[in-house]
Amino acid sequence: MNGWKKTAAAVLSLTLVAACGEMTPRQRNTAIGAAVGGVAGSVLSGGDTGGAVGGAVVGGVIGNQIKK
């Protein structure tokens, strides 16, 4: 990976982590569920975009409903 790509990835990661600072626990669970679901959907569907989107939706709903 090129140096600028590593830097961009690090800046993006830090920005996303900082953005989660003011989220409620429910919002944070929804975001985490969507991220995990998106990755799982992509992996299970062999990289299909529809699988990633579907996984993100299902993961977000599950994350939102945990610990109501």
Protein backbone atom coordinates (compact mmCIF):
# COMPACT_ATOMS: atom_id res chain seq x y z
CA MET A 1 0.00 0.00 0.00
CA ASN A 2 1.34 3.43 -0.89
CA GLY A 3 2.26 5.91 1.81
CA TRP A 4 -0.56 8.31 0.95
CA LYS A 5 -3.11 5.49 1.04
CA LYS A 6 -1.98 4.48 4.52
CA THR A 7 -2.19 8.08 5.66
CA ALA A 8 -5.66 8.51 4.16
CA ALA A 9 -6.85 5.29 5.81
CA ALA A 10 -5.47 6.41 9.19
CA VAL A 11 -7.10 9.85 8.92
CA LEU A 12 -10.42 8.30 7.90
CA SER A 13 -10.27 5.82 10.78
CA LEU A 14 -9.53 8.54 13.32
CA THR A 15 -12.34 10.70 11.93
CA LEU A 16 -14.84 7.86 12.20
CA VAL A 17 -13.79 7.04 15.76
CA ALA A 18 -14.05 10.69 16.77
CA ALA A 19 -17.52 10.94 15.24
CA CYS A 20 -18.73 8.12 17.49
CA GLY A 21 -17.89 10.11 20.63
CA GLU A 22 -21.26 11.82 20.91
CA MET A 23 -23.44 8.92 19.84
CA THR A 24 -25.92 7.30 22.17
CA PRO A 25 -25.31 3.62 22.92
CA ARG A 26 -28.19 2.70 20.62
CA GLN A 27 -26.77 4.73 17.73
CA ARG A 28 -23.33 3.22 18.31
CA ASN A 29 -24.78 -0.31 18.34
CA THR A 30 -26.62 0.44 15.09
CA ALA A 31 -23.44 1.71 13.41
CA ILE A 32 -21.38 -1.25 14.62
CA GLY A 33 -24.07 -3.70 13.54
CA ALA A 34 -24.27 -2.11 10.10
CA ALA A 35 -20.49 -2.22 9.66
CA VAL A 36 -20.18 -5.84 10.78
CA GLY A 37 -23.22 -6.86 8.74
CA GLY A 38 -21.87 -5.13 5.64
CA VAL A 39 -18.55 -6.93 5.88
CA ALA A 40 -20.23 -10.27 6.59
CA GLY A 41 -22.68 -9.80 3.72
CA SER A 42 -19.86 -8.96 1.34
CA VAL A 43 -17.81 -11.97 2.39
CA LEU A 44 -20.74 -14.39 2.27
CA SER A 45 -21.86 -13.18 -1.16
CA GLY A 46 -18.38 -13.22 -2.68
CA GLY A 47 -18.03 -9.44 -2.83
CA ASP A 48 -21.47 -8.73 -4.28
CA THR A 49 -22.66 -5.18 -3.59
CA GLY A 50 -26.21 -6.33 -2.94
CA GLY A 51 -24.98 -8.78 -0.33
CA ALA A 52 -22.98 -6.07 1.41
CA VAL A 53 -25.91 -3.64 1.44
CA GLY A 54 -28.31 -6.34 2.63
CA GLY A 55 -25.91 -7.37 5.38
CA ALA A 56 -25.49 -3.77 6.48
CA VAL A 57 -29.26 -3.27 6.70
CA VAL A 58 -29.82 -6.47 8.67
CA GLY A 59 -26.82 -5.78 10.93
CA GLY A 60 -28.01 -2.23 11.58
CA VAL A 61 -31.47 -3.41 12.57
CA ILE A 62 -30.06 -6.07 14.88
CA GLY A 63 -27.63 -3.57 16.43
CA ASN A 64 -30.46 -1.09 16.95
CA GLN A 65 -32.63 -3.63 18.74
CA ILE A 66 -29.95 -4.90 21.14
CA LYS A 67 -30.39 -3.62 24.72
CA LYS A 68 -33.47 -1.49 24.15
